[in-house]
Structure formats: structure tokens, C-alpha cells
Amino acid sequence: MDKHIGARVRLKTNGGRKKTIIKEGLLEKTYPSIFIVVLDGQGATRRVSYSYSDILTDTVELTVMEGNKKIQCLQ
């Protein structure tokens, strides 16, 4: 994960009741148990954090983007 700091990422999360939420942002920081993503917003910057267990349990799907190409998908 550390090698992707500063990269554009796409987050696909489970919104409950058959809803899927897709957000895009920049991978800002990584820590031993969590990672922080700065989300693109309408005039406001928002930071969200997820744990690595969210990826392992398929709660979050993280896709590292390069331009408009998917270069790596972490599930």
C-alpha cells in the first residue's frame, strides 16, 4: 500500500440494502492498521479512513487508478 501513496484510488463500498457506493480520491497516508483517503468533493475536502480488515472482508474494494486505467484492484 505504501508504494501507492498519492495515487488516485476508487473505493467501492457496501451501502447496505443492495446499495453500492463508489467514490474517488487520493490515498493520503497509510498506518499499520488503517489507510486514509482524501475524497473529491464539491468544494469541500473530506478524509475517510478504512481498516485493512475492510478489504479482507470485502466491505471495501480499493482500485488504484492511473489516468482512467485500473492498474491494481485490492480485494
Protein backbone atom coordinates (compact mmCIF):
# COMPACT_ATOMS: atom_id res chain seq x y z
CA MET A 1 0.00 0.00 0.00
CA ASP A 2 2.83 2.40 0.82
CA LYS A 3 4.01 2.47 -2.80
CA HIS A 4 0.60 3.86 -3.86
CA ILE A 5 0.59 6.92 -1.55
CA GLY A 6 -0.53 9.93 -3.60
CA ALA A 7 -2.19 7.76 -6.25
CA ARG A 8 -5.80 8.15 -7.39
CA VAL A 9 -7.99 5.42 -5.98
CA ARG A 10 -11.58 4.31 -6.43
CA LEU A 11 -13.42 2.99 -3.38
CA LYS A 12 -16.38 0.69 -3.81
CA THR A 13 -18.23 0.23 -0.51
CA ASN A 14 -21.30 -1.61 0.61
CA GLY A 15 -24.04 0.95 1.37
CA GLY A 16 -26.46 -1.62 2.76
CA ARG A 17 -29.72 -2.95 1.32
CA LYS A 18 -28.18 -3.83 -2.05
CA LYS A 19 -26.60 -0.38 -2.50
CA THR A 20 -23.05 0.10 -3.67
CA ILE A 21 -21.31 3.44 -3.16
CA ILE A 22 -18.40 4.40 -5.43
CA LYS A 23 -16.11 7.30 -4.50
CA GLU A 24 -12.80 8.55 -5.86
CA GLY A 25 -9.94 10.29 -4.14
CA LEU A 26 -6.24 10.22 -3.31
CA LEU A 27 -4.52 7.77 -0.99
CA GLU A 28 -3.06 10.15 1.58
CA LYS A 29 -1.46 8.08 4.35
CA THR A 30 -1.06 4.51 5.48
CA TYR A 31 -0.67 3.26 9.02
CA PRO A 32 -0.17 -0.26 10.41
CA SER A 33 -3.92 -0.97 10.66
CA ILE A 34 -5.69 1.76 8.62
CA PHE A 35 -5.32 3.88 5.49
CA ILE A 36 -6.66 7.38 4.80
CA VAL A 37 -8.20 8.58 1.54
CA VAL A 38 -8.93 12.24 0.68
CA LEU A 39 -12.20 12.25 -1.26
CA ASP A 40 -13.02 14.56 -4.15
CA GLY A 41 -15.91 16.74 -3.11
CA GLN A 42 -17.92 19.69 -4.29
CA GLY A 43 -15.93 22.49 -2.70
CA ALA A 44 -15.12 20.57 0.49
CA THR A 45 -12.28 18.17 1.18
CA ARG A 46 -13.23 15.11 3.15
CA ARG A 47 -10.98 12.45 4.65
CA VAL A 48 -12.15 8.92 5.31
CA SER A 49 -10.28 6.05 6.91
CA TYR A 50 -10.69 2.33 6.40
CA SER A 51 -9.02 -0.62 8.04
CA TYR A 52 -7.21 -3.31 6.10
CA SER A 53 -9.72 -5.80 7.51
CA ASP A 54 -12.41 -3.94 5.49
CA ILE A 55 -10.59 -5.04 2.33
CA LEU A 56 -10.12 -8.60 3.58
CA THR A 57 -13.82 -8.96 4.47
CA ASP A 58 -14.98 -7.43 1.14
CA THR A 59 -16.58 -4.44 2.87
CA VAL A 60 -14.39 -2.16 0.72
CA GLU A 61 -12.86 -2.71 -2.71
CA LEU A 62 -9.91 -0.42 -3.41
CA THR A 63 -8.82 0.14 -7.02
CA VAL A 64 -5.60 2.03 -7.76
CA MET A 65 -6.03 4.13 -10.91
CA GLU A 66 -3.51 5.54 -13.38
CA GLY A 67 -5.26 8.07 -15.58
CA ASN A 68 -8.50 6.29 -16.41
CA LYS A 69 -6.90 2.83 -16.33
CA LYS A 70 -7.24 0.40 -13.46
CA ILE A 71 -3.74 -0.74 -12.55
CA GLN A 72 -4.43 -2.75 -9.40
CA CYS A 73 -7.50 -3.90 -7.53
CA LEU A 74 -7.16 -4.80 -3.86
CA GLN A 75 -9.90 -7.10 -2.62
